Amino acid sequence: MDIILNWRQACAALSISRPTLYSLTNQGKLTRVRISKGRVGWPQSEISNYIESLITNHKS
């Protein structure tokens, strides 16, 4: 089961600001899920995959 992170947790995991988190989401680089009306989150696996892609792209 995947853990859903709130925006604060997702920002902390990526060391980015809230506007940057939403920008990455709007660009399609991160996937946001709707938990309930007015509440969204980011799957921890999405955050981990994004970090891995940054590491992989940096090595090439």
C-alpha atoms as a PDB file:
ATOM      1  CA  MET A   1       0.000   0.000   0.000  1.00  0.00           C
ATOM      2  CA  ASP A   2       1.269   3.432  -0.971  1.00  0.00           C
ATOM      3  CA  ILE A   3       1.411   6.234   1.599  1.00  0.00           C
ATOM      4  CA  ILE A   4      -0.169   9.532   0.552  1.00  0.00           C
ATOM      5  CA  LEU A   5       1.851  12.594   1.521  1.00  0.00           C
ATOM      6  CA  ASN A   6       0.326  16.006   2.152  1.00  0.00           C
ATOM      7  CA  TRP A   7       1.931  19.035   0.535  1.00  0.00           C
ATOM      8  CA  ARG A   8       4.173  19.728   3.529  1.00  0.00           C
ATOM      9  CA  GLN A   9       5.519  16.175   3.564  1.00  0.00           C
ATOM     10  CA  ALA A  10       6.000  16.121  -0.216  1.00  0.00           C
ATOM     11  CA  CYS A  11       7.821  19.467  -0.107  1.00  0.00           C
ATOM     12  CA  ALA A  12      10.039  18.271   2.741  1.00  0.00           C
ATOM     13  CA  ALA A  13      10.900  15.050   0.890  1.00  0.00           C
ATOM     14  CA  LEU A  14      11.914  17.036  -2.205  1.00  0.00           C
ATOM     15  CA  SER A  15      13.344  20.086  -0.380  1.00  0.00           C
ATOM     16  CA  ILE A  16      11.158  22.418  -2.457  1.00  0.00           C
ATOM     17  CA  SER A  17       8.539  25.086  -1.829  1.00  0.00           C
ATOM     18  CA  ARG A  18       4.777  24.632  -2.148  1.00  0.00           C
ATOM     19  CA  PRO A  19       4.582  26.672  -5.391  1.00  0.00           C
ATOM     20  CA  THR A  20       7.332  24.499  -6.895  1.00  0.00           C
ATOM     21  CA  LEU A  21       5.442  21.339  -5.869  1.00  0.00           C
ATOM     22  CA  TYR A  22       2.305  22.587  -7.616  1.00  0.00           C
ATOM     23  CA  SER A  23       4.324  23.687 -10.640  1.00  0.00           C
ATOM     24  CA  LEU A  24       5.872  20.212 -10.996  1.00  0.00           C
ATOM     25  CA  THR A  25       2.392  18.716 -10.623  1.00  0.00           C
ATOM     26  CA  ASN A  26       0.906  21.019 -13.263  1.00  0.00           C
ATOM     27  CA  GLN A  27       3.788  20.141 -15.628  1.00  0.00           C
ATOM     28  CA  GLY A  28       2.896  16.459 -15.234  1.00  0.00           C
ATOM     29  CA  LYS A  29       6.159  15.579 -13.502  1.00  0.00           C
ATOM     30  CA  LEU A  30       4.323  14.551 -10.308  1.00  0.00           C
ATOM     31  CA  THR A  31       0.897  12.990  -9.877  1.00  0.00           C
ATOM     32  CA  ARG A  32      -1.574  14.339  -7.366  1.00  0.00           C
ATOM     33  CA  VAL A  33      -4.511  12.306  -6.056  1.00  0.00           C
ATOM     34  CA  ARG A  34      -7.776  13.656  -4.673  1.00  0.00           C
ATOM     35  CA  ILE A  35      -8.398  12.306  -1.192  1.00  0.00           C
ATOM     36  CA  SER A  36     -11.670  14.159  -0.620  1.00  0.00           C
ATOM     37  CA  LYS A  37     -13.284  17.433  -1.613  1.00  0.00           C
ATOM     38  CA  GLY A  38     -10.640  20.106  -1.058  1.00  0.00           C
ATOM     39  CA  ARG A  39      -7.953  17.597  -0.026  1.00  0.00           C
ATOM     40  CA  VAL A  40      -5.186  16.274  -2.257  1.00  0.00           C
ATOM     41  CA  GLY A  41      -1.983  14.338  -1.718  1.00  0.00           C
ATOM     42  CA  TRP A  42       1.011  12.894  -3.517  1.00  0.00           C
ATOM     43  CA  PRO A  43       1.759   9.160  -3.435  1.00  0.00           C
ATOM     44  CA  GLN A  44       5.093   8.511  -1.769  1.00  0.00           C
ATOM     45  CA  SER A  45       6.049   6.241  -4.680  1.00  0.00           C
ATOM     46  CA  GLU A  46       5.600   9.183  -7.081  1.00  0.00           C
ATOM     47  CA  ILE A  47       7.955  11.312  -5.001  1.00  0.00           C
ATOM     48  CA  SER A  48      10.496   8.469  -4.838  1.00  0.00           C
ATOM     49  CA  ASN A  49      10.270   7.865  -8.599  1.00  0.00           C
ATOM     50  CA  TYR A  50      10.803  11.566  -9.291  1.00  0.00           C
ATOM     51  CA  ILE A  51      13.895  11.632  -7.079  1.00  0.00           C
ATOM     52  CA  GLU A  52      15.239   8.502  -8.809  1.00  0.00           C
ATOM     53  CA  SER A  53      14.682  10.107 -12.232  1.00  0.00           C
ATOM     54  CA  LEU A  54      16.648  13.173 -11.129  1.00  0.00           C
ATOM     55  CA  ILE A  55      19.513  10.981  -9.943  1.00  0.00           C
ATOM     56  CA  THR A  56      19.467   8.897 -13.135  1.00  0.00           C
ATOM     57  CA  ASN A  57      19.369  11.969 -15.385  1.00  0.00           C
ATOM     58  CA  HIS A  58      22.203  13.576 -13.419  1.00  0.00           C
ATOM     59  CA  LYS A  59      24.448  10.544 -13.951  1.00  0.00           C
ATOM     60  CA  SER A  60      24.049  10.573 -17.745  1.00  0.00           C
END
